[in-house]
Amino acid sequence: MARPALSIVIRTLDAADTLGEVLGQLRRDPDDQLIVVDSGSTDGTVELARGQGAEIVPIVRGEFTYGRALNRGFAAARHAWVLSLSAHTVPAGAGFLDAYRRAIGRFPGTVTAAVGPILGEFDAALSGGITYFEGDDLRRGFGFGAGNPNSLYRADAWRGRPFDEEIGGGEDLQWYFDALAAGETIAAVHAAGVHYRNRRSMRAFYRKGRVDFRAMARFIEPHRPSLAGLVIRAAKLALYVPLGRVDWAGAKGSLAHCLGTYVEARALAKPRAATPGGSRD
């Protein structure tokens, strides 16, 4: 069986500090297509991407939503399978793309999307294997919490069901649940792991933690972090920074994201104010 060619779509905004590392770990075949959807970078991101053979799809920053940027990138894809990556998700090994290619050859015809794990600071790359999600499986727990920072889609399925461009986050979960409702299958490819290397501010990570939790809570009952869990995570990060397991910027970002999820979980758990007559909204 011929090796399937992939179209790879990466959204960028001033991501030159990590994009080079991401592209350096992608062992692309000659027929693979690299598409970068850029929101107006000024730090050399576009030049770096072009130097690696990327096709640049610009999007005006004021028009950006996660779903809209992905739809524009996917519209430029010419292969049957399209891989969505973040400019900050670095493949955990040189065999990253091959793990997806091998999986495609094993997928039953009902698979329309696949995800790889986003590994934490302390996680090693996982071994091979594929888990299939159908029906209500995702509501019972979605494994390793992956999504569009590392997700593969069958192009014809996307054309029939583009990403929602109006929601502020969770366009990937929305797509998965719509696919499952249509009788399709989502696969988890265990060996296709990535590490998150975003160097945004602690405030940005805090906001992202809140947005991520809120988006997930629309579809499933996510794990609700505890204050004790935050303290334990802070202690682990304080231990691993001196050992070189995680750098200081990554440690601060991880802790801020966890704090955001904790705050949002508490906010969503509060009962809404009663309306006149004793009923609730």
C-alpha atoms as a PDB file:
ATOM      1  CA  MET A   1       0.000   0.000   0.000  1.00  0.00           C
ATOM      2  CA  ALA A   2       1.342   3.458  -0.977  1.00  0.00           C
ATOM      3  CA  ARG A   3       2.265   5.835   1.815  1.00  0.00           C
ATOM      4  CA  PRO A   4      -0.562   8.362   2.160  1.00  0.00           C
ATOM      5  CA  ALA A   5       0.453  11.961   1.553  1.00  0.00           C
ATOM      6  CA  LEU A   6      -0.637  14.485   4.173  1.00  0.00           C
ATOM      7  CA  SER A   7      -1.671  18.133   4.078  1.00  0.00           C
ATOM      8  CA  ILE A   8      -0.428  19.786   7.276  1.00  0.00           C
ATOM      9  CA  VAL A   9      -2.168  22.971   8.462  1.00  0.00           C
ATOM     10  CA  ILE A  10      -0.561  25.151  11.156  1.00  0.00           C
ATOM     11  CA  ARG A  11      -2.062  28.379  12.530  1.00  0.00           C
ATOM     12  CA  THR A  12       0.511  31.026  13.457  1.00  0.00           C
ATOM     13  CA  LEU A  13       0.855  34.434  15.052  1.00  0.00           C
ATOM     14  CA  ASP A  14       4.396  35.506  15.995  1.00  0.00           C
ATOM     15  CA  ALA A  15       5.432  31.903  16.609  1.00  0.00           C
ATOM     16  CA  ALA A  16       8.981  31.955  15.238  1.00  0.00           C
ATOM     17  CA  ASP A  17      10.417  30.863  18.609  1.00  0.00           C
ATOM     18  CA  THR A  18       8.693  27.458  18.412  1.00  0.00           C
ATOM     19  CA  LEU A  19       7.678  26.960  14.769  1.00  0.00           C
ATOM     20  CA  GLY A  20      11.228  26.082  13.747  1.00  0.00           C
ATOM     21  CA  GLU A  21      11.316  23.306  16.341  1.00  0.00           C
ATOM     22  CA  VAL A  22       7.934  21.988  15.211  1.00  0.00           C
ATOM     23  CA  LEU A  23       8.933  21.912  11.527  1.00  0.00           C
ATOM     24  CA  GLY A  24      12.303  20.409  12.362  1.00  0.00           C
ATOM     25  CA  GLN A  25      10.596  17.387  13.897  1.00  0.00           C
ATOM     26  CA  LEU A  26       8.241  16.821  10.968  1.00  0.00           C
ATOM     27  CA  ARG A  27       9.836  14.211   8.713  1.00  0.00           C
ATOM     28  CA  ARG A  28       7.779  15.138   5.665  1.00  0.00           C
ATOM     29  CA  ASP A  29       7.592  13.071   2.497  1.00  0.00           C
ATOM     30  CA  PRO A  30       8.154  14.898  -0.810  1.00  0.00           C
ATOM     31  CA  ASP A  31       4.426  14.830  -1.623  1.00  0.00           C
ATOM     32  CA  ASP A  32       3.315  16.208   1.745  1.00  0.00           C
ATOM     33  CA  GLN A  33       1.835  19.700   1.729  1.00  0.00           C
ATOM     34  CA  LEU A  34       2.611  22.312   4.392  1.00  0.00           C
ATOM     35  CA  ILE A  35       0.072  25.140   4.849  1.00  0.00           C
ATOM     36  CA  VAL A  36       0.549  27.974   7.350  1.00  0.00           C
ATOM     37  CA  VAL A  37      -2.438  30.182   8.184  1.00  0.00           C
ATOM     38  CA  ASP A  38      -0.899  33.383   9.542  1.00  0.00           C
ATOM     39  CA  SER A  39      -2.693  36.176  11.392  1.00  0.00           C
ATOM     40  CA  GLY A  40      -0.172  38.945  10.659  1.00  0.00           C
ATOM     41  CA  SER A  41       3.101  37.835  12.246  1.00  0.00           C
ATOM     42  CA  THR A  42       5.921  40.395  12.435  1.00  0.00           C
ATOM     43  CA  ASP A  43       8.651  38.266  14.036  1.00  0.00           C
ATOM     44  CA  GLY A  44       9.849  36.315  10.990  1.00  0.00           C
ATOM     45  CA  THR A  45       7.306  33.495  11.293  1.00  0.00           C
ATOM     46  CA  VAL A  46       6.154  33.803   7.674  1.00  0.00           C
ATOM     47  CA  GLU A  47       9.705  33.939   6.321  1.00  0.00           C
ATOM     48  CA  LEU A  48      10.654  30.891   8.383  1.00  0.00           C
ATOM     49  CA  ALA A  49       7.630  28.974   7.110  1.00  0.00           C
ATOM     50  CA  ARG A  50       8.287  29.911   3.474  1.00  0.00           C
ATOM     51  CA  GLY A  51      11.867  28.779   3.883  1.00  0.00           C
ATOM     52  CA  GLN A  52      10.517  25.339   4.809  1.00  0.00           C
ATOM     53  CA  GLY A  53       8.323  25.213   1.699  1.00  0.00           C
ATOM     54  CA  ALA A  54       5.059  26.279   3.308  1.00  0.00           C
ATOM     55  CA  GLU A  55       2.134  27.756   1.423  1.00  0.00           C
ATOM     56  CA  ILE A  56       1.010  30.878   3.319  1.00  0.00           C
ATOM     57  CA  VAL A  57      -2.703  31.564   3.780  1.00  0.00           C
ATOM     58  CA  PRO A  58      -3.161  34.997   5.414  1.00  0.00           C
ATOM     59  CA  ILE A  59      -6.065  35.848   7.679  1.00  0.00           C
ATOM     60  CA  VAL A  60      -6.797  39.334   9.017  1.00  0.00           C
ATOM     61  CA  ARG A  61      -6.341  39.320  12.773  1.00  0.00           C
ATOM     62  CA  GLY A  62      -9.727  40.926  13.341  1.00  0.00           C
ATOM     63  CA  GLU A  63     -11.397  38.100  11.392  1.00  0.00           C
ATOM     64  CA  PHE A  64      -9.650  35.346  13.320  1.00  0.00           C
ATOM     65  CA  THR A  65     -11.465  32.581  15.090  1.00  0.00           C
ATOM     66  CA  TYR A  66      -9.960  29.133  15.554  1.00  0.00           C
ATOM     67  CA  GLY A  67     -12.594  27.574  13.339  1.00  0.00           C
ATOM     68  CA  ARG A  68     -12.320  30.193  10.574  1.00  0.00           C
ATOM     69  CA  ALA A  69      -8.523  29.943  10.412  1.00  0.00           C
ATOM     70  CA  LEU A  70      -8.716  26.159  10.148  1.00  0.00           C
ATOM     71  CA  ASN A  71     -11.405  26.294   7.463  1.00  0.00           C
ATOM     72  CA  ARG A  72      -9.248  28.565   5.316  1.00  0.00           C
ATOM     73  CA  GLY A  73      -6.234  26.329   5.742  1.00  0.00           C
ATOM     74  CA  PHE A  74      -8.211  23.157   5.044  1.00  0.00           C
ATOM     75  CA  ALA A  75      -9.689  24.761   1.914  1.00  0.00           C
ATOM     76  CA  ALA A  76      -6.152  24.922   0.482  1.00  0.00           C
ATOM     77  CA  ALA A  77      -5.424  21.251   1.247  1.00  0.00           C
ATOM     78  CA  ARG A  78      -5.105  18.927  -1.737  1.00  0.00           C
ATOM     79  CA  HIS A  79      -4.683  15.542   0.006  1.00  0.00           C
ATOM     80  CA  ALA A  80      -7.255  13.106   1.380  1.00  0.00           C
ATOM     81  CA  TRP A  81      -6.055  13.525   4.989  1.00  0.00           C
ATOM     82  CA  VAL A  82      -5.381  16.871   6.674  1.00  0.00           C
ATOM     83  CA  LEU A  83      -3.369  17.220   9.886  1.00  0.00           C
ATOM     84  CA  SER A  84      -4.051  20.204  12.138  1.00  0.00           C
ATOM     85  CA  LEU A  85      -1.088  21.215  14.315  1.00  0.00           C
ATOM     86  CA  SER A  86      -0.355  24.114  16.618  1.00  0.00           C
ATOM     87  CA  ALA A  87       2.759  26.197  16.049  1.00  0.00           C
ATOM     88  CA  HIS A  88       3.637  25.271  19.644  1.00  0.00           C
ATOM     89  CA  THR A  89       3.119  21.487  19.583  1.00  0.00           C
ATOM     90  CA  VAL A  90       6.467  19.810  18.965  1.00  0.00           C
ATOM     91  CA  PRO A  91       6.302  16.157  17.813  1.00  0.00           C
ATOM     92  CA  ALA A  92       7.636  13.864  20.527  1.00  0.00           C
ATOM     93  CA  GLY A  93       9.658  11.795  18.073  1.00  0.00           C
ATOM     94  CA  ALA A  94      10.905  11.595  14.504  1.00  0.00           C
ATOM     95  CA  GLY A  95       8.273   8.944  13.726  1.00  0.00           C
ATOM     96  CA  PHE A  96       5.364  11.282  14.447  1.00  0.00           C
ATOM     97  CA  LEU A  97       4.004  11.565  10.894  1.00  0.00           C
ATOM     98  CA  ASP A  98       4.694   7.894  10.204  1.00  0.00           C
ATOM     99  CA  ALA A  99       2.514   6.967  13.199  1.00  0.00           C
ATOM    100  CA  TYR A 100      -0.397   8.736  11.524  1.00  0.00           C
ATOM    101  CA  ARG A 101       0.393   7.235   8.112  1.00  0.00           C
ATOM    102  CA  ARG A 102       0.432   3.699   9.518  1.00  0.00           C
ATOM    103  CA  ALA A 103      -2.824   4.370  11.359  1.00  0.00           C
ATOM    104  CA  ILE A 104      -4.560   5.553   8.174  1.00  0.00           C
ATOM    105  CA  GLY A 105      -3.828   2.187   6.619  1.00  0.00           C
ATOM    106  CA  ARG A 106      -5.560   0.457   9.543  1.00  0.00           C
ATOM    107  CA  PHE A 107      -8.589   2.729   9.915  1.00  0.00           C
ATOM    108  CA  PRO A 108     -12.013   1.258   9.145  1.00  0.00           C
ATOM    109  CA  GLY A 109     -14.022   3.284   6.660  1.00  0.00           C
ATOM    110  CA  THR A 110     -16.054   4.952   9.410  1.00  0.00           C
ATOM    111  CA  VAL A 111     -13.055   6.907  10.803  1.00  0.00           C
ATOM    112  CA  THR A 112     -13.274  10.575   9.848  1.00  0.00           C
ATOM    113  CA  ALA A 113     -10.857  12.065  12.394  1.00  0.00           C
ATOM    114  CA  ALA A 114      -8.005  11.005  14.645  1.00  0.00           C
ATOM    115  CA  VAL A 115      -6.133  12.614  17.515  1.00  0.00           C
ATOM    116  CA  GLY A 116      -2.706  12.178  19.029  1.00  0.00           C
ATOM    117  CA  PRO A 117      -1.894  12.842  22.697  1.00  0.00           C
ATOM    118  CA  ILE A 118      -0.657  16.175  23.979  1.00  0.00           C
ATOM    119  CA  LEU A 119       1.941  15.048  26.485  1.00  0.00           C
ATOM    120  CA  GLY A 120       2.510  16.824  29.777  1.00  0.00           C
ATOM    121  CA  GLU A 121       5.824  18.039  31.141  1.00  0.00           C
ATOM    122  CA  PHE A 122       6.434  14.736  32.867  1.00  0.00           C
ATOM    123  CA  ASP A 123       5.069  12.393  30.176  1.00  0.00           C
ATOM    124  CA  ALA A 124       7.123  10.196  27.867  1.00  0.00           C
ATOM    125  CA  ALA A 125       5.962   9.402  24.347  1.00  0.00           C
ATOM    126  CA  LEU A 126       3.418   6.600  24.271  1.00  0.00           C
ATOM    127  CA  SER A 127       3.798   3.292  22.456  1.00  0.00           C
ATOM    128  CA  GLY A 128       1.721   2.238  19.458  1.00  0.00           C
ATOM    129  CA  GLY A 129      -1.924   1.327  19.354  1.00  0.00           C
ATOM    130  CA  ILE A 130      -5.228   2.851  18.310  1.00  0.00           C
ATOM    131  CA  THR A 131      -8.364   3.426  20.365  1.00  0.00           C
ATOM    132  CA  TYR A 132     -11.683   3.962  18.587  1.00  0.00           C
ATOM    133  CA  PHE A 133     -14.445   6.213  19.937  1.00  0.00           C
ATOM    134  CA  GLU A 134     -18.054   5.777  18.829  1.00  0.00           C
ATOM    135  CA  GLY A 135     -21.494   6.854  20.019  1.00  0.00           C
ATOM    136  CA  ASP A 136     -21.286   8.351  23.516  1.00  0.00           C
ATOM    137  CA  ASP A 137     -17.710   7.192  24.185  1.00  0.00           C
ATOM    138  CA  LEU A 138     -16.307  10.728  24.397  1.00  0.00           C
ATOM    139  CA  ARG A 139     -18.714  11.652  27.173  1.00  0.00           C
ATOM    140  CA  ARG A 140     -17.188   8.891  29.291  1.00  0.00           C
ATOM    141  CA  GLY A 141     -13.676  10.344  29.012  1.00  0.00           C
ATOM    142  CA  PHE A 142     -11.570  11.416  26.080  1.00  0.00           C
ATOM    143  CA  GLY A 143      -8.272   9.757  26.954  1.00  0.00           C
ATOM    144  CA  PHE A 144      -5.506  12.299  26.742  1.00  0.00           C
ATOM    145  CA  GLY A 145      -7.410  15.518  26.058  1.00  0.00           C
ATOM    146  CA  ALA A 146      -6.210  16.121  22.525  1.00  0.00           C
ATOM    147  CA  GLY A 147      -7.781  18.286  19.846  1.00  0.00           C
ATOM    148  CA  ASN A 148      -6.876  20.592  16.983  1.00  0.00           C
ATOM    149  CA  PRO A 149      -3.336  21.255  18.225  1.00  0.00           C
ATOM    150  CA  ASN A 150      -2.747  17.645  17.062  1.00  0.00           C
ATOM    151  CA  SER A 151      -5.644  16.200  15.063  1.00  0.00           C
ATOM    152  CA  LEU A 152      -6.082  14.452  11.701  1.00  0.00           C
ATOM    153  CA  TYR A 153      -9.202  14.783   9.528  1.00  0.00           C
ATOM    154  CA  ARG A 154     -10.499  13.063   6.428  1.00  0.00           C
ATOM    155  CA  ALA A 155     -10.808  15.929   3.949  1.00  0.00           C
ATOM    156  CA  ASP A 156     -14.103  14.819   2.440  1.00  0.00           C
ATOM    157  CA  ALA A 157     -15.697  14.638   5.891  1.00  0.00           C
ATOM    158  CA  TRP A 158     -14.494  18.175   6.674  1.00  0.00           C
ATOM    159  CA  ARG A 159     -15.888  19.481   3.381  1.00  0.00           C
ATOM    160  CA  GLY A 160     -19.287  18.150   4.371  1.00  0.00           C
ATOM    161  CA  ARG A 161     -18.991  19.593   7.888  1.00  0.00           C
ATOM    162  CA  PRO A 162     -16.606  22.580   8.206  1.00  0.00           C
ATOM    163  CA  PHE A 163     -15.576  23.868  11.621  1.00  0.00           C
ATOM    164  CA  ASP A 164     -17.912  26.251  13.428  1.00  0.00           C
ATOM    165  CA  GLU A 165     -16.443  29.724  12.894  1.00  0.00           C
ATOM    166  CA  GLU A 166     -18.516  31.544  15.500  1.00  0.00           C
ATOM    167  CA  ILE A 167     -17.593  29.811  18.765  1.00  0.00           C
ATOM    168  CA  GLY A 168     -14.602  31.114  20.690  1.00  0.00           C
ATOM    169  CA  GLY A 169     -13.141  27.693  21.487  1.00  0.00           C
ATOM    170  CA  GLY A 170     -13.980  24.028  21.357  1.00  0.00           C
ATOM    171  CA  GLU A 171     -14.503  23.879  17.588  1.00  0.00           C
ATOM    172  CA  ASP A 172     -12.679  20.543  17.646  1.00  0.00           C
ATOM    173  CA  LEU A 173     -14.961  18.981  20.283  1.00  0.00           C
ATOM    174  CA  GLN A 174     -17.996  20.312  18.444  1.00  0.00           C
ATOM    175  CA  TRP A 175     -16.765  18.593  15.270  1.00  0.00           C
ATOM    176  CA  TYR A 176     -16.077  15.300  17.058  1.00  0.00           C
ATOM    177  CA  PHE A 177     -19.497  15.167  18.691  1.00  0.00           C
ATOM    178  CA  ASP A 178     -21.228  16.024  15.417  1.00  0.00           C
ATOM    179  CA  ALA A 179     -19.235  13.247  13.709  1.00  0.00           C
ATOM    180  CA  LEU A 180     -20.209  10.707  16.363  1.00  0.00           C
ATOM    181  CA  ALA A 181     -23.852  11.744  16.122  1.00  0.00           C
ATOM    182  CA  ALA A 182     -23.636  11.025  12.381  1.00  0.00           C
ATOM    183  CA  GLY A 183     -22.433   7.471  13.091  1.00  0.00           C
ATOM    184  CA  GLU A 184     -18.762   8.160  12.379  1.00  0.00           C
ATOM    185  CA  THR A 185     -15.721   7.052  14.400  1.00  0.00           C
ATOM    186  CA  ILE A 186     -12.925   9.093  16.025  1.00  0.00           C
ATOM    187  CA  ALA A 187      -9.568   7.349  16.478  1.00  0.00           C
ATOM    188  CA  ALA A 188      -6.856   8.030  19.052  1.00  0.00           C
ATOM    189  CA  VAL A 189      -3.383   7.260  17.671  1.00  0.00           C
ATOM    190  CA  HIS A 190      -1.288   6.696  20.774  1.00  0.00           C
ATOM    191  CA  ALA A 191       2.156   6.979  19.175  1.00  0.00           C
ATOM    192  CA  ALA A 192       1.479  10.367  17.519  1.00  0.00           C
ATOM    193  CA  GLY A 193       2.297  12.458  20.609  1.00  0.00           C
ATOM    194  CA  VAL A 194       3.395  16.080  20.860  1.00  0.00           C
ATOM    195  CA  HIS A 195       4.825  18.301  23.585  1.00  0.00           C
ATOM    196  CA  TYR A 196       3.382  21.771  24.157  1.00  0.00           C
ATOM    197  CA  ARG A 197       6.034  24.511  23.964  1.00  0.00           C
ATOM    198  CA  ASN A 198       4.031  27.746  24.073  1.00  0.00           C
ATOM    199  CA  ARG A 199       5.879  30.677  25.665  1.00  0.00           C
ATOM    200  CA  ARG A 200       2.968  33.082  26.033  1.00  0.00           C
ATOM    201  CA  SER A 201       2.473  35.137  29.201  1.00  0.00           C
ATOM    202  CA  MET A 202       1.096  33.703  32.436  1.00  0.00           C
ATOM    203  CA  ARG A 203      -2.005  35.864  31.989  1.00  0.00           C
ATOM    204  CA  ALA A 204      -2.579  34.386  28.527  1.00  0.00           C
ATOM    205  CA  PHE A 205      -2.176  30.850  29.894  1.00  0.00           C
ATOM    206  CA  TYR A 206      -4.602  31.640  32.709  1.00  0.00           C
ATOM    207  CA  ARG A 207      -7.188  32.853  30.191  1.00  0.00           C
ATOM    208  CA  LYS A 208      -6.582  29.795  28.027  1.00  0.00           C
ATOM    209  CA  GLY A 209      -7.162  27.533  31.011  1.00  0.00           C
ATOM    210  CA  ARG A 210     -10.546  29.145  31.588  1.00  0.00           C
ATOM    211  CA  VAL A 211     -11.525  28.994  27.913  1.00  0.00           C
ATOM    212  CA  ASP A 212     -10.409  25.361  27.556  1.00  0.00           C
ATOM    213  CA  PHE A 213     -12.368  24.229  30.609  1.00  0.00           C
ATOM    214  CA  ARG A 214     -15.478  26.147  29.547  1.00  0.00           C
ATOM    215  CA  ALA A 215     -15.353  24.651  26.036  1.00  0.00           C
ATOM    216  CA  MET A 216     -14.938  21.107  27.352  1.00  0.00           C
ATOM    217  CA  ALA A 217     -17.738  21.540  29.878  1.00  0.00           C
ATOM    218  CA  ARG A 218     -20.169  22.208  27.017  1.00  0.00           C
ATOM    219  CA  PHE A 219     -19.911  18.557  25.988  1.00  0.00           C
ATOM    220  CA  ILE A 220     -18.648  16.423  28.872  1.00  0.00           C
ATOM    221  CA  GLU A 221     -18.211  16.528  32.642  1.00  0.00           C
ATOM    222  CA  PRO A 222     -14.496  17.332  32.804  1.00  0.00           C
ATOM    223  CA  HIS A 223     -12.222  16.565  35.726  1.00  0.00           C
ATOM    224  CA  ARG A 224     -12.515  19.422  38.218  1.00  0.00           C
ATOM    225  CA  PRO A 225      -9.104  20.411  39.577  1.00  0.00           C
ATOM    226  CA  SER A 226      -8.734  20.858  43.315  1.00  0.00           C
ATOM    227  CA  LEU A 227      -6.723  23.348  45.334  1.00  0.00           C
ATOM    228  CA  ALA A 228      -4.667  20.447  46.707  1.00  0.00           C
ATOM    229  CA  GLY A 229      -3.943  19.353  43.135  1.00  0.00           C
ATOM    230  CA  LEU A 230      -2.678  22.843  42.297  1.00  0.00           C
ATOM    231  CA  VAL A 231      -0.314  22.775  45.282  1.00  0.00           C
ATOM    232  CA  ILE A 232       0.995  19.342  44.301  1.00  0.00           C
ATOM    233  CA  ARG A 233       1.548  20.467  40.712  1.00  0.00           C
ATOM    234  CA  ALA A 234       3.417  23.566  41.866  1.00  0.00           C
ATOM    235  CA  ALA A 235       5.647  21.379  44.062  1.00  0.00           C
ATOM    236  CA  LYS A 236       6.385  19.031  41.143  1.00  0.00           C
ATOM    237  CA  LEU A 237       7.248  21.933  38.859  1.00  0.00           C
ATOM    238  CA  ALA A 238       9.526  23.443  41.515  1.00  0.00           C
ATOM    239  CA  LEU A 239      11.322  20.088  41.706  1.00  0.00           C
ATOM    240  CA  TYR A 240      11.620  19.456  37.972  1.00  0.00           C
ATOM    241  CA  VAL A 241      12.830  22.912  36.881  1.00  0.00           C
ATOM    242  CA  PRO A 242      16.266  22.492  38.543  1.00  0.00           C
ATOM    243  CA  LEU A 243      16.493  18.956  37.105  1.00  0.00           C
ATOM    244  CA  GLY A 244      15.900  20.252  33.587  1.00  0.00           C
ATOM    245  CA  ARG A 245      12.692  18.290  33.056  1.00  0.00           C
ATOM    246  CA  VAL A 246      10.843  21.538  32.293  1.00  0.00           C
ATOM    247  CA  ASP A 247      12.077  25.112  31.847  1.00  0.00           C
ATOM    248  CA  TRP A 248      10.929  28.036  33.950  1.00  0.00           C
ATOM    249  CA  ALA A 249       8.729  29.554  31.238  1.00  0.00           C
ATOM    250  CA  GLY A 250       6.978  26.239  30.703  1.00  0.00           C
ATOM    251  CA  ALA A 251       6.504  25.740  34.426  1.00  0.00           C
ATOM    252  CA  LYS A 252       4.888  29.157  34.863  1.00  0.00           C
ATOM    253  CA  GLY A 253       2.609  28.583  31.881  1.00  0.00           C
ATOM    254  CA  SER A 254       1.562  25.149  33.115  1.00  0.00           C
ATOM    255  CA  LEU A 255       0.712  26.444  36.566  1.00  0.00           C
ATOM    256  CA  ALA A 256      -1.201  29.459  35.194  1.00  0.00           C
ATOM    257  CA  HIS A 257      -3.232  27.207  32.895  1.00  0.00           C
ATOM    258  CA  CYS A 258      -4.103  24.906  35.805  1.00  0.00           C
ATOM    259  CA  LEU A 259      -5.115  27.924  37.883  1.00  0.00           C
ATOM    260  CA  GLY A 260      -7.389  29.076  35.057  1.00  0.00           C
ATOM    261  CA  THR A 261      -9.108  25.692  34.865  1.00  0.00           C
ATOM    262  CA  TYR A 262      -9.522  25.681  38.658  1.00  0.00           C
ATOM    263  CA  VAL A 263     -11.105  29.146  38.698  1.00  0.00           C
ATOM    264  CA  GLU A 264     -13.397  28.382  35.753  1.00  0.00           C
ATOM    265  CA  ALA A 265     -14.470  25.053  37.286  1.00  0.00           C
ATOM    266  CA  ARG A 266     -15.459  26.854  40.493  1.00  0.00           C
ATOM    267  CA  ALA A 267     -17.284  29.565  38.540  1.00  0.00           C
ATOM    268  CA  LEU A 268     -19.301  27.035  36.548  1.00  0.00           C
ATOM    269  CA  ALA A 269     -20.117  25.052  39.685  1.00  0.00           C
ATOM    270  CA  LYS A 270     -21.805  28.019  41.372  1.00  0.00           C
ATOM    271  CA  PRO A 271     -25.599  27.856  41.182  1.00  0.00           C
ATOM    272  CA  ARG A 272     -27.042  30.590  39.011  1.00  0.00           C
ATOM    273  CA  ALA A 273     -29.175  33.206  40.655  1.00  0.00           C
ATOM    274  CA  ALA A 274     -32.828  32.201  41.037  1.00  0.00           C
ATOM    275  CA  THR A 275     -35.304  34.029  38.857  1.00  0.00           C
ATOM    276  CA  PRO A 276     -38.525  35.475  40.321  1.00  0.00           C
ATOM    277  CA  GLY A 277     -40.861  32.671  41.263  1.00  0.00           C
ATOM    278  CA  GLY A 278     -38.058  30.379  42.367  1.00  0.00           C
ATOM    279  CA  SER A 279     -37.071  28.923  38.991  1.00  0.00           C
ATOM    280  CA  ARG A 280     -33.552  28.968  37.552  1.00  0.00           C
ATOM    281  CA  ASP A 281     -32.340  30.180  34.146  1.00  0.00           C
END
